[in-house]
C-alpha atoms as a PDB file:
ATOM      1  CA  UNK A   1       0.000   0.000   0.000  1.00  0.00           C
ATOM      2  CA  UNK A   2       2.827   2.396   0.873  1.00  0.00           C
ATOM      3  CA  UNK A   3       4.512   1.572  -2.456  1.00  0.00           C
ATOM      4  CA  UNK A   4       1.287   2.412  -4.338  1.00  0.00           C
ATOM      5  CA  UNK A   5       1.012   5.671  -2.419  1.00  0.00           C
ATOM      6  CA  UNK A   6       4.638   6.545  -3.128  1.00  0.00           C
ATOM      7  CA  UNK A   7       4.214   5.702  -6.815  1.00  0.00           C
ATOM      8  CA  UNK A   8       1.194   7.960  -7.047  1.00  0.00           C
ATOM      9  CA  UNK A   9       3.078  10.920  -5.650  1.00  0.00           C
ATOM     10  CA  UNK A  10       6.199  10.239  -7.675  1.00  0.00           C
ATOM     11  CA  UNK A  11       4.061  10.991 -10.734  1.00  0.00           C
ATOM     12  CA  UNK A  12       3.413  14.502  -9.380  1.00  0.00           C
ATOM     13  CA  UNK A  13       3.836  17.291 -11.958  1.00  0.00           C
ATOM     14  CA  UNK A  14       6.123  19.128  -9.569  1.00  0.00           C
ATOM     15  CA  UNK A  15       9.492  17.347  -9.709  1.00  0.00           C
ATOM     16  CA  UNK A  16      11.081  19.000  -6.655  1.00  0.00           C
ATOM     17  CA  UNK A  17       8.050  18.399  -4.471  1.00  0.00           C
ATOM     18  CA  UNK A  18       7.893  14.841  -5.819  1.00  0.00           C
ATOM     19  CA  UNK A  19      11.492  14.279  -4.723  1.00  0.00           C
ATOM     20  CA  UNK A  20      10.805  15.655  -1.247  1.00  0.00           C
ATOM     21  CA  UNK A  21       7.813  13.363  -0.868  1.00  0.00           C
ATOM     22  CA  UNK A  22       9.905  10.435  -2.101  1.00  0.00           C
ATOM     23  CA  UNK A  23      12.656  11.088   0.454  1.00  0.00           C
ATOM     24  CA  UNK A  24      10.188  11.116   3.353  1.00  0.00           C
ATOM     25  CA  UNK A  25       8.285   8.056   2.156  1.00  0.00           C
ATOM     26  CA  UNK A  26      11.534   6.192   1.485  1.00  0.00           C
ATOM     27  CA  UNK A  27      12.803   6.824   5.009  1.00  0.00           C
ATOM     28  CA  UNK A  28       9.511   5.631   6.472  1.00  0.00           C
ATOM     29  CA  UNK A  29       9.481   2.553   4.231  1.00  0.00           C
ATOM     30  CA  UNK A  30      12.808   1.565   5.808  1.00  0.00           C
ATOM     31  CA  UNK A  31      10.908   0.863   9.024  1.00  0.00           C
ATOM     32  CA  UNK A  32      11.436   4.112  10.918  1.00  0.00           C
ATOM     33  CA  UNK A  33       8.656   5.827  12.866  1.00  0.00           C
ATOM     34  CA  UNK A  34       7.531   9.077  11.287  1.00  0.00           C
ATOM     35  CA  UNK A  35       9.440  11.283  13.712  1.00  0.00           C
ATOM     36  CA  UNK A  36      12.580   9.258  12.928  1.00  0.00           C
ATOM     37  CA  UNK A  37      11.870   9.538   9.199  1.00  0.00           C
ATOM     38  CA  UNK A  38      11.776  13.331   9.481  1.00  0.00           C
ATOM     39  CA  UNK A  39      15.025  13.437  11.465  1.00  0.00           C
ATOM     40  CA  UNK A  40      16.851  10.962   9.225  1.00  0.00           C
ATOM     41  CA  UNK A  41      15.650  12.607   5.996  1.00  0.00           C
ATOM     42  CA  UNK A  42      16.789  16.008   7.232  1.00  0.00           C
ATOM     43  CA  UNK A  43      20.199  14.715   8.301  1.00  0.00           C
ATOM     44  CA  UNK A  44      20.686  12.801   5.048  1.00  0.00           C
ATOM     45  CA  UNK A  45      19.797  15.782   2.851  1.00  0.00           C
ATOM     46  CA  UNK A  46      22.002  18.100   4.886  1.00  0.00           C
ATOM     47  CA  UNK A  47      24.957  15.708   4.760  1.00  0.00           C
ATOM     48  CA  UNK A  48      24.591  14.833   1.081  1.00  0.00           C
ATOM     49  CA  UNK A  49      23.624  18.223  -0.329  1.00  0.00           C
ATOM     50  CA  UNK A  50      24.175  21.267   1.860  1.00  0.00           C
ATOM     51  CA  UNK A  51      27.402  20.249   3.631  1.00  0.00           C
ATOM     52  CA  UNK A  52      29.396  19.818   0.377  1.00  0.00           C
ATOM     53  CA  UNK A  53      27.933  23.078  -0.950  1.00  0.00           C
ATOM     54  CA  UNK A  54      28.784  24.870   2.300  1.00  0.00           C
ATOM     55  CA  UNK A  55      32.359  23.572   2.073  1.00  0.00           C
ATOM     56  CA  UNK A  56      32.506  24.827  -1.527  1.00  0.00           C
ATOM     57  CA  UNK A  57      31.196  28.195  -0.369  1.00  0.00           C
ATOM     58  CA  UNK A  58      33.991  28.452   2.203  1.00  0.00           C
ATOM     59  CA  UNK A  59      36.495  27.370  -0.477  1.00  0.00           C
ATOM     60  CA  UNK A  60      35.426  30.229  -2.761  1.00  0.00           C
ATOM     61  CA  UNK A  61      35.331  32.792   0.056  1.00  0.00           C
ATOM     62  CA  UNK A  62      38.806  31.757   1.231  1.00  0.00           C
ATOM     63  CA  UNK A  63      40.212  32.254  -2.264  1.00  0.00           C
ATOM     64  CA  UNK A  64      38.505  35.649  -2.506  1.00  0.00           C
ATOM     65  CA  UNK A  65      39.956  36.648   0.872  1.00  0.00           C
ATOM     66  CA  UNK A  66      43.451  35.625  -0.226  1.00  0.00           C
ATOM     67  CA  UNK A  67      43.089  37.895  -3.262  1.00  0.00           C
ATOM     68  CA  UNK A  68      42.471  40.998  -1.169  1.00  0.00           C
ATOM     69  CA  UNK A  69      46.170  42.023  -0.768  1.00  0.00           C
ATOM     70  CA  UNK A  70      46.642  41.795  -4.534  1.00  0.00           C
ATOM     71  CA  UNK A  71      43.428  43.741  -5.119  1.00  0.00           C
ATOM     72  CA  UNK A  72      44.594  46.480  -2.738  1.00  0.00           C
ATOM     73  CA  UNK A  73      47.926  46.719  -4.576  1.00  0.00           C
ATOM     74  CA  UNK A  74      46.162  46.968  -7.932  1.00  0.00           C
ATOM     75  CA  UNK A  75      43.811  49.610  -6.544  1.00  0.00           C
ATOM     76  CA  UNK A  76      46.717  51.718  -5.301  1.00  0.00           C
ATOM     77  CA  UNK A  77      48.591  51.535  -8.611  1.00  0.00           C
ATOM     78  CA  UNK A  78      45.450  52.169 -10.644  1.00  0.00           C
ATOM     79  CA  UNK A  79      44.579  55.180  -8.490  1.00  0.00           C
ATOM     80  CA  UNK A  80      48.014  56.664  -9.133  1.00  0.00           C
ATOM     81  CA  UNK A  81      47.761  55.968 -12.858  1.00  0.00           C
ATOM     82  CA  UNK A  82      44.298  57.527 -13.144  1.00  0.00           C
ATOM     83  CA  UNK A  83      45.446  60.593 -11.178  1.00  0.00           C
ATOM     84  CA  UNK A  84      48.388  61.023 -13.541  1.00  0.00           C
ATOM     85  CA  UNK A  85      46.155  60.787 -16.629  1.00  0.00           C
ATOM     86  CA  UNK A  86      43.625  63.148 -15.048  1.00  0.00           C
ATOM     87  CA  UNK A  87      46.307  65.825 -14.663  1.00  0.00           C
ATOM     88  CA  UNK A  88      47.689  65.125 -18.145  1.00  0.00           C
ATOM     89  CA  UNK A  89      44.343  65.286 -19.985  1.00  0.00           C
ATOM     90  CA  UNK A  90      42.465  67.632 -17.658  1.00  0.00           C
ATOM     91  CA  UNK A  91      39.802  65.149 -16.568  1.00  0.00           C
ATOM     92  CA  UNK A  92      37.170  66.239 -14.082  1.00  0.00           C
ATOM     93  CA  UNK A  93      36.880  64.420 -10.753  1.00  0.00           C
ATOM     94  CA  UNK A  94      33.748  62.670 -12.016  1.00  0.00           C
ATOM     95  CA  UNK A  95      35.455  61.393 -15.174  1.00  0.00           C
ATOM     96  CA  UNK A  96      38.502  60.286 -13.188  1.00  0.00           C
ATOM     97  CA  UNK A  97      36.308  58.467 -10.695  1.00  0.00           C
ATOM     98  CA  UNK A  98      34.281  56.675 -13.380  1.00  0.00           C
ATOM     99  CA  UNK A  99      37.465  55.674 -15.201  1.00  0.00           C
ATOM    100  CA  UNK A 100      38.932  54.279 -12.004  1.00  0.00           C
ATOM    101  CA  UNK A 101      35.798  52.284 -11.156  1.00  0.00           C
ATOM    102  CA  UNK A 102      35.422  50.881 -14.677  1.00  0.00           C
ATOM    103  CA  UNK A 103      39.009  49.694 -14.866  1.00  0.00           C
ATOM    104  CA  UNK A 104      38.996  48.424 -11.283  1.00  0.00           C
ATOM    105  CA  UNK A 105      35.946  46.255 -11.970  1.00  0.00           C
ATOM    106  CA  UNK A 106      37.628  44.857 -15.063  1.00  0.00           C
ATOM    107  CA  UNK A 107      40.889  44.062 -13.276  1.00  0.00           C
ATOM    108  CA  UNK A 108      39.174  42.464 -10.292  1.00  0.00           C
ATOM    109  CA  UNK A 109      36.990  40.411 -12.618  1.00  0.00           C
ATOM    110  CA  UNK A 110      40.136  39.176 -14.377  1.00  0.00           C
ATOM    111  CA  UNK A 111      41.550  38.078 -11.019  1.00  0.00           C
ATOM    112  CA  UNK A 112      38.369  36.155 -10.217  1.00  0.00           C
ATOM    113  CA  UNK A 113      38.519  34.444 -13.618  1.00  0.00           C
ATOM    114  CA  UNK A 114      42.203  33.669 -13.169  1.00  0.00           C
ATOM    115  CA  UNK A 115      41.633  31.988  -9.791  1.00  0.00           C
ATOM    116  CA  UNK A 116      38.168  30.672 -10.686  1.00  0.00           C
ATOM    117  CA  UNK A 117      36.604  32.171  -7.565  1.00  0.00           C
ATOM    118  CA  UNK A 118      33.914  34.646  -8.531  1.00  0.00           C
ATOM    119  CA  UNK A 119      31.998  35.544  -5.325  1.00  0.00           C
ATOM    120  CA  UNK A 120      28.689  34.719  -6.991  1.00  0.00           C
ATOM    121  CA  UNK A 121      29.699  31.048  -6.864  1.00  0.00           C
ATOM    122  CA  UNK A 122      29.538  31.285  -3.079  1.00  0.00           C
ATOM    123  CA  UNK A 123      25.766  31.886  -3.306  1.00  0.00           C
ATOM    124  CA  UNK A 124      25.063  28.444  -4.790  1.00  0.00           C
ATOM    125  CA  UNK A 125      24.312  27.137  -1.278  1.00  0.00           C
ATOM    126  CA  UNK A 126      21.395  29.568  -0.898  1.00  0.00           C
ATOM    127  CA  UNK A 127      19.941  28.724  -4.317  1.00  0.00           C
ATOM    128  CA  UNK A 128      19.906  25.017  -3.432  1.00  0.00           C
ATOM    129  CA  UNK A 129      19.189  25.037   0.300  1.00  0.00           C
ATOM    130  CA  UNK A 130      16.236  27.454   0.275  1.00  0.00           C
ATOM    131  CA  UNK A 131      14.179  25.576  -2.368  1.00  0.00           C
ATOM    132  CA  UNK A 132      14.990  22.266  -0.655  1.00  0.00           C
ATOM    133  CA  UNK A 133      13.750  23.672   2.665  1.00  0.00           C
ATOM    134  CA  UNK A 134      10.584  24.991   1.036  1.00  0.00           C
ATOM    135  CA  UNK A 135       9.729  21.751  -0.776  1.00  0.00           C
ATOM    136  CA  UNK A 136      10.388  19.592   2.280  1.00  0.00           C
ATOM    137  CA  UNK A 137       8.166  21.933   4.310  1.00  0.00           C
ATOM    138  CA  UNK A 138       5.387  21.738   1.705  1.00  0.00           C
ATOM    139  CA  UNK A 139       5.682  17.945   1.577  1.00  0.00           C
ATOM    140  CA  UNK A 140       5.319  17.646   5.361  1.00  0.00           C
ATOM    141  CA  UNK A 141       2.438  20.116   5.375  1.00  0.00           C
ATOM    142  CA  UNK A 142       0.653  18.039   2.718  1.00  0.00           C
ATOM    143  CA  UNK A 143       1.213  14.865   4.718  1.00  0.00           C
ATOM    144  CA  UNK A 144       0.009  16.456   7.959  1.00  0.00           C
ATOM    145  CA  UNK A 145      -3.147  17.969   6.469  1.00  0.00           C
ATOM    146  CA  UNK A 146      -4.215  14.710   4.829  1.00  0.00           C
ATOM    147  CA  UNK A 147      -3.625  15.771   1.229  1.00  0.00           C
ATOM    148  CA  UNK A 148      -1.962  12.438   0.402  1.00  0.00           C
ATOM    149  CA  UNK A 149      -4.534   9.676   0.317  1.00  0.00           C
ATOM    150  CA  UNK A 150      -4.771   6.448  -1.636  1.00  0.00           C
ATOM    151  CA  UNK A 151      -7.435   3.717  -1.304  1.00  0.00           C
ATOM    152  CA  UNK A 152      -8.512   5.018   2.094  1.00  0.00           C
ATOM    153  CA  UNK A 153      -4.941   5.076   3.386  1.00  0.00           C
ATOM    154  CA  UNK A 154      -3.794   8.445   4.705  1.00  0.00           C
ATOM    155  CA  UNK A 155      -0.292   9.396   5.762  1.00  0.00           C
ATOM    156  CA  UNK A 156      -1.982  11.834   8.122  1.00  0.00           C
ATOM    157  CA  UNK A 157      -3.307   8.897  10.140  1.00  0.00           C
ATOM    158  CA  UNK A 158       0.197   7.529  10.630  1.00  0.00           C
ATOM    159  CA  UNK A 159       1.602  10.969  11.463  1.00  0.00           C
ATOM    160  CA  UNK A 160      -1.079  11.396  14.127  1.00  0.00           C
ATOM    161  CA  UNK A 161       0.494   8.469  15.986  1.00  0.00           C
ATOM    162  CA  UNK A 162       4.052   8.904  14.770  1.00  0.00           C
ATOM    163  CA  UNK A 163       5.401  11.444  17.237  1.00  0.00           C
ATOM    164  CA  UNK A 164       7.502  11.046  20.357  1.00  0.00           C
ATOM    165  CA  UNK A 165       8.017  12.614  23.795  1.00  0.00           C
ATOM    166  CA  UNK A 166       5.784  15.692  24.268  1.00  0.00           C
ATOM    167  CA  UNK A 167       4.557  15.761  20.645  1.00  0.00           C
ATOM    168  CA  UNK A 168       3.025  12.287  20.038  1.00  0.00           C
ATOM    169  CA  UNK A 169       0.727  13.705  17.342  1.00  0.00           C
ATOM    170  CA  UNK A 170       2.774  15.106  14.454  1.00  0.00           C
ATOM    171  CA  UNK A 171      -0.316  16.585  12.809  1.00  0.00           C
ATOM    172  CA  UNK A 172      -1.067  18.822  15.809  1.00  0.00           C
ATOM    173  CA  UNK A 173       0.693  22.006  16.850  1.00  0.00           C
ATOM    174  CA  UNK A 174       3.148  21.883  19.738  1.00  0.00           C
ATOM    175  CA  UNK A 175       1.072  23.377  22.537  1.00  0.00           C
ATOM    176  CA  UNK A 176       4.094  23.408  24.865  1.00  0.00           C
ATOM    177  CA  UNK A 177       5.977  25.755  22.485  1.00  0.00           C
ATOM    178  CA  UNK A 178       9.157  23.755  23.133  1.00  0.00           C
ATOM    179  CA  UNK A 179       9.780  23.108  19.428  1.00  0.00           C
ATOM    180  CA  UNK A 180       9.042  26.697  18.306  1.00  0.00           C
ATOM    181  CA  UNK A 181      11.229  28.285  21.004  1.00  0.00           C
ATOM    182  CA  UNK A 182      14.016  25.804  20.300  1.00  0.00           C
ATOM    183  CA  UNK A 183      13.868  26.775  16.619  1.00  0.00           C
ATOM    184  CA  UNK A 184      14.195  30.458  17.492  1.00  0.00           C
ATOM    185  CA  UNK A 185      17.116  29.906  19.872  1.00  0.00           C
ATOM    186  CA  UNK A 186      18.974  27.679  17.403  1.00  0.00           C
ATOM    187  CA  UNK A 187      18.525  30.144  14.546  1.00  0.00           C
ATOM    188  CA  UNK A 188      19.703  33.022  16.733  1.00  0.00           C
ATOM    189  CA  UNK A 189      22.801  31.014  17.700  1.00  0.00           C
ATOM    190  CA  UNK A 190      23.593  30.498  14.005  1.00  0.00           C
ATOM    191  CA  UNK A 191      23.201  34.232  13.353  1.00  0.00           C
ATOM    192  CA  UNK A 192      25.371  35.230  16.317  1.00  0.00           C
ATOM    193  CA  UNK A 193      28.123  32.743  15.447  1.00  0.00           C
ATOM    194  CA  UNK A 194      28.213  34.112  11.907  1.00  0.00           C
ATOM    195  CA  UNK A 195      28.263  37.685  13.215  1.00  0.00           C
ATOM    196  CA  UNK A 196      31.128  36.925  15.607  1.00  0.00           C
ATOM    197  CA  UNK A 197      33.146  35.601  12.658  1.00  0.00           C
ATOM    198  CA  UNK A 198      32.917  38.925  10.840  1.00  0.00           C
ATOM    199  CA  UNK A 199      35.107  41.764  12.029  1.00  0.00           C
ATOM    200  CA  UNK A 200      34.230  45.318  11.062  1.00  0.00           C
ATOM    201  CA  UNK A 201      30.921  44.603   9.337  1.00  0.00           C
ATOM    202  CA  UNK A 202      29.708  47.165   6.818  1.00  0.00           C
ATOM    203  CA  UNK A 203      26.446  49.021   7.398  1.00  0.00           C
ATOM    204  CA  UNK A 204      24.707  46.782   4.857  1.00  0.00           C
ATOM    205  CA  UNK A 205      26.002  43.616   6.564  1.00  0.00           C
ATOM    206  CA  UNK A 206      24.789  44.972   9.911  1.00  0.00           C
ATOM    207  CA  UNK A 207      21.308  45.608   8.490  1.00  0.00           C
ATOM    208  CA  UNK A 208      21.205  42.109   6.984  1.00  0.00           C
ATOM    209  CA  UNK A 209      22.245  40.595  10.327  1.00  0.00           C
ATOM    210  CA  UNK A 210      19.497  42.515  12.152  1.00  0.00           C
ATOM    211  CA  UNK A 211      16.975  41.393   9.528  1.00  0.00           C
ATOM    212  CA  UNK A 212      17.930  37.725   9.955  1.00  0.00           C
ATOM    213  CA  UNK A 213      17.711  38.115  13.749  1.00  0.00           C
ATOM    214  CA  UNK A 214      14.178  39.454  13.332  1.00  0.00           C
ATOM    215  CA  UNK A 215      13.273  36.532  11.067  1.00  0.00           C
ATOM    216  CA  UNK A 216      14.640  34.091  13.665  1.00  0.00           C
ATOM    217  CA  UNK A 217      12.374  35.594  16.317  1.00  0.00           C
ATOM    218  CA  UNK A 218       9.418  35.689  13.916  1.00  0.00           C
ATOM    219  CA  UNK A 219       9.851  31.964  13.247  1.00  0.00           C
ATOM    220  CA  UNK A 220       8.820  31.219  16.853  1.00  0.00           C
ATOM    221  CA  UNK A 221       5.131  32.238  16.570  1.00  0.00           C
ATOM    222  CA  UNK A 222       5.001  30.848  13.025  1.00  0.00           C
ATOM    223  CA  UNK A 223       6.308  27.458  14.190  1.00  0.00           C
ATOM    224  CA  UNK A 224       3.698  27.490  16.967  1.00  0.00           C
ATOM    225  CA  UNK A 225       0.890  27.494  14.380  1.00  0.00           C
ATOM    226  CA  UNK A 226       2.085  24.653  12.110  1.00  0.00           C
ATOM    227  CA  UNK A 227       1.916  20.855  12.604  1.00  0.00           C
ATOM    228  CA  UNK A 228       4.610  19.397  14.852  1.00  0.00           C
ATOM    229  CA  UNK A 229       6.022  17.438  11.917  1.00  0.00           C
ATOM    230  CA  UNK A 230       6.879  20.723  10.219  1.00  0.00           C
ATOM    231  CA  UNK A 231       8.272  22.282  13.404  1.00  0.00           C
ATOM    232  CA  UNK A 232      10.356  19.148  13.995  1.00  0.00           C
ATOM    233  CA  UNK A 233      11.807  19.408  10.485  1.00  0.00           C
ATOM    234  CA  UNK A 234      12.628  23.082  10.975  1.00  0.00           C
ATOM    235  CA  UNK A 235      14.316  22.360  14.303  1.00  0.00           C
ATOM    236  CA  UNK A 236      16.353  19.441  12.899  1.00  0.00           C
ATOM    237  CA  UNK A 237      17.382  21.541   9.898  1.00  0.00           C
ATOM    238  CA  UNK A 238      18.486  24.412  12.149  1.00  0.00           C
ATOM    239  CA  UNK A 239      20.365  22.143  14.576  1.00  0.00           C
ATOM    240  CA  UNK A 240      22.234  20.411  11.760  1.00  0.00           C
ATOM    241  CA  UNK A 241      22.929  23.822  10.219  1.00  0.00           C
ATOM    242  CA  UNK A 242      24.436  24.947  13.538  1.00  0.00           C
ATOM    243  CA  UNK A 243      26.629  21.834  13.733  1.00  0.00           C
ATOM    244  CA  UNK A 244      27.618  22.336  10.097  1.00  0.00           C
ATOM    245  CA  UNK A 245      28.627  25.911  10.851  1.00  0.00           C
ATOM    246  CA  UNK A 246      30.811  24.755  13.746  1.00  0.00           C
ATOM    247  CA  UNK A 247      32.298  21.883  11.733  1.00  0.00           C
ATOM    248  CA  UNK A 248      33.386  24.253   8.967  1.00  0.00           C
ATOM    249  CA  UNK A 249      35.422  26.195  11.512  1.00  0.00           C
ATOM    250  CA  UNK A 250      37.540  23.126  12.294  1.00  0.00           C
ATOM    251  CA  UNK A 251      41.074  23.428  10.839  1.00  0.00           C
ATOM    252  CA  UNK A 252      41.192  19.672  10.266  1.00  0.00           C
ATOM    253  CA  UNK A 253      37.899  19.590   8.378  1.00  0.00           C
ATOM    254  CA  UNK A 254      38.887  22.619   6.321  1.00  0.00           C
ATOM    255  CA  UNK A 255      42.120  20.870   5.324  1.00  0.00           C
ATOM    256  CA  UNK A 256      40.121  17.758   4.446  1.00  0.00           C
ATOM    257  CA  UNK A 257      37.945  19.876   2.149  1.00  0.00           C
ATOM    258  CA  UNK A 258      41.066  21.568   0.717  1.00  0.00           C
ATOM    259  CA  UNK A 259      39.870  25.013   1.748  1.00  0.00           C
ATOM    260  CA  UNK A 260      42.832  27.420   1.367  1.00  0.00           C
ATOM    261  CA  UNK A 261      44.394  28.891   4.481  1.00  0.00           C
ATOM    262  CA  UNK A 262      43.681  32.572   5.093  1.00  0.00           C
ATOM    263  CA  UNK A 263      44.955  35.211   7.486  1.00  0.00           C
ATOM    264  CA  UNK A 264      41.679  35.105   9.392  1.00  0.00           C
ATOM    265  CA  UNK A 265      41.982  31.366  10.085  1.00  0.00           C
ATOM    266  CA  UNK A 266      42.718  30.326  13.651  1.00  0.00           C
ATOM    267  CA  UNK A 267      44.274  27.209  15.147  1.00  0.00           C
ATOM    268  CA  UNK A 268      41.818  27.475  18.069  1.00  0.00           C
ATOM    269  CA  UNK A 269      38.527  28.532  16.432  1.00  0.00           C
ATOM    270  CA  UNK A 270      36.241  27.162  19.150  1.00  0.00           C
ATOM    271  CA  UNK A 271      38.198  28.810  21.946  1.00  0.00           C
ATOM    272  CA  UNK A 272      38.153  32.079  20.018  1.00  0.00           C
ATOM    273  CA  UNK A 273      34.420  31.734  19.457  1.00  0.00           C
ATOM    274  CA  UNK A 274      33.765  31.135  23.147  1.00  0.00           C
ATOM    275  CA  UNK A 275      35.942  34.115  24.085  1.00  0.00           C
ATOM    276  CA  UNK A 276      34.155  36.391  21.613  1.00  0.00           C
ATOM    277  CA  UNK A 277      30.749  35.147  22.777  1.00  0.00           C
ATOM    278  CA  UNK A 278      31.681  35.636  26.435  1.00  0.00           C
ATOM    279  CA  UNK A 279      33.021  39.133  25.780  1.00  0.00           C
ATOM    280  CA  UNK A 280      29.961  40.236  23.784  1.00  0.00           C
ATOM    281  CA  UNK A 281      27.148  38.757  25.848  1.00  0.00           C
ATOM    282  CA  UNK A 282      28.434  37.981  29.368  1.00  0.00           C
ATOM    283  CA  UNK A 283      31.417  40.010  30.544  1.00  0.00           C
ATOM    284  CA  UNK A 284      29.904  43.377  29.562  1.00  0.00           C
ATOM    285  CA  UNK A 285      26.898  42.865  31.842  1.00  0.00           C
END
């Protein structure tokens, strides 16, 4: 019966949603309870898809960081050259500035091509992870609301008895708010760890960080209104994302992934993180 149900949904006109449904049904077909299927599916997708992409993102960003001294040298020489031509040909400040910016963009772009590390490549994680998160969320919502039904068999019925601990019914909201609050705390930890990594953030980066903090807080009441299966997925995804963030700070793991060394790398990243966290949130009180 489960195979017939899975086959029906694998013929869905939406390929990405079909894949998400297939992952969840496949994990459950292996004999796991539904809460275990959600946890295992999340961990498997994170390990197989987002972790390699996150390592690639760090690889690109490390190469871009190592180019900064060369970029600064080029900028200094180009500035001198443009100033000399401005005096020679009587350029206005506006013309000199536009000439500098045009040539600087071209030279920097040539460096990125030379080292095959255009910063846009570092965004591939977002373009893969966000749709995956959305489709998995939609799949679990469809399961929890009883959308999937075949020959009187409903996944919703199994989800209603497939929970654990304080959320035995995965189709109901978590009335204790433990899952929603845990999601908010985990997401805020991810944001703060990322913020502590960045020294001297620009105004734009500061605004983006504040925006993500607000989204993390907003996720708490949102998670309190959705089925527990969805909240459980969001919590597992956030927890694994937090562990992934910490893992990518490990010098040994970075060497394993062949991520280039940079000046900002530390031999004691976790100690440095604890010190920065203590200084920012505890010692100043």
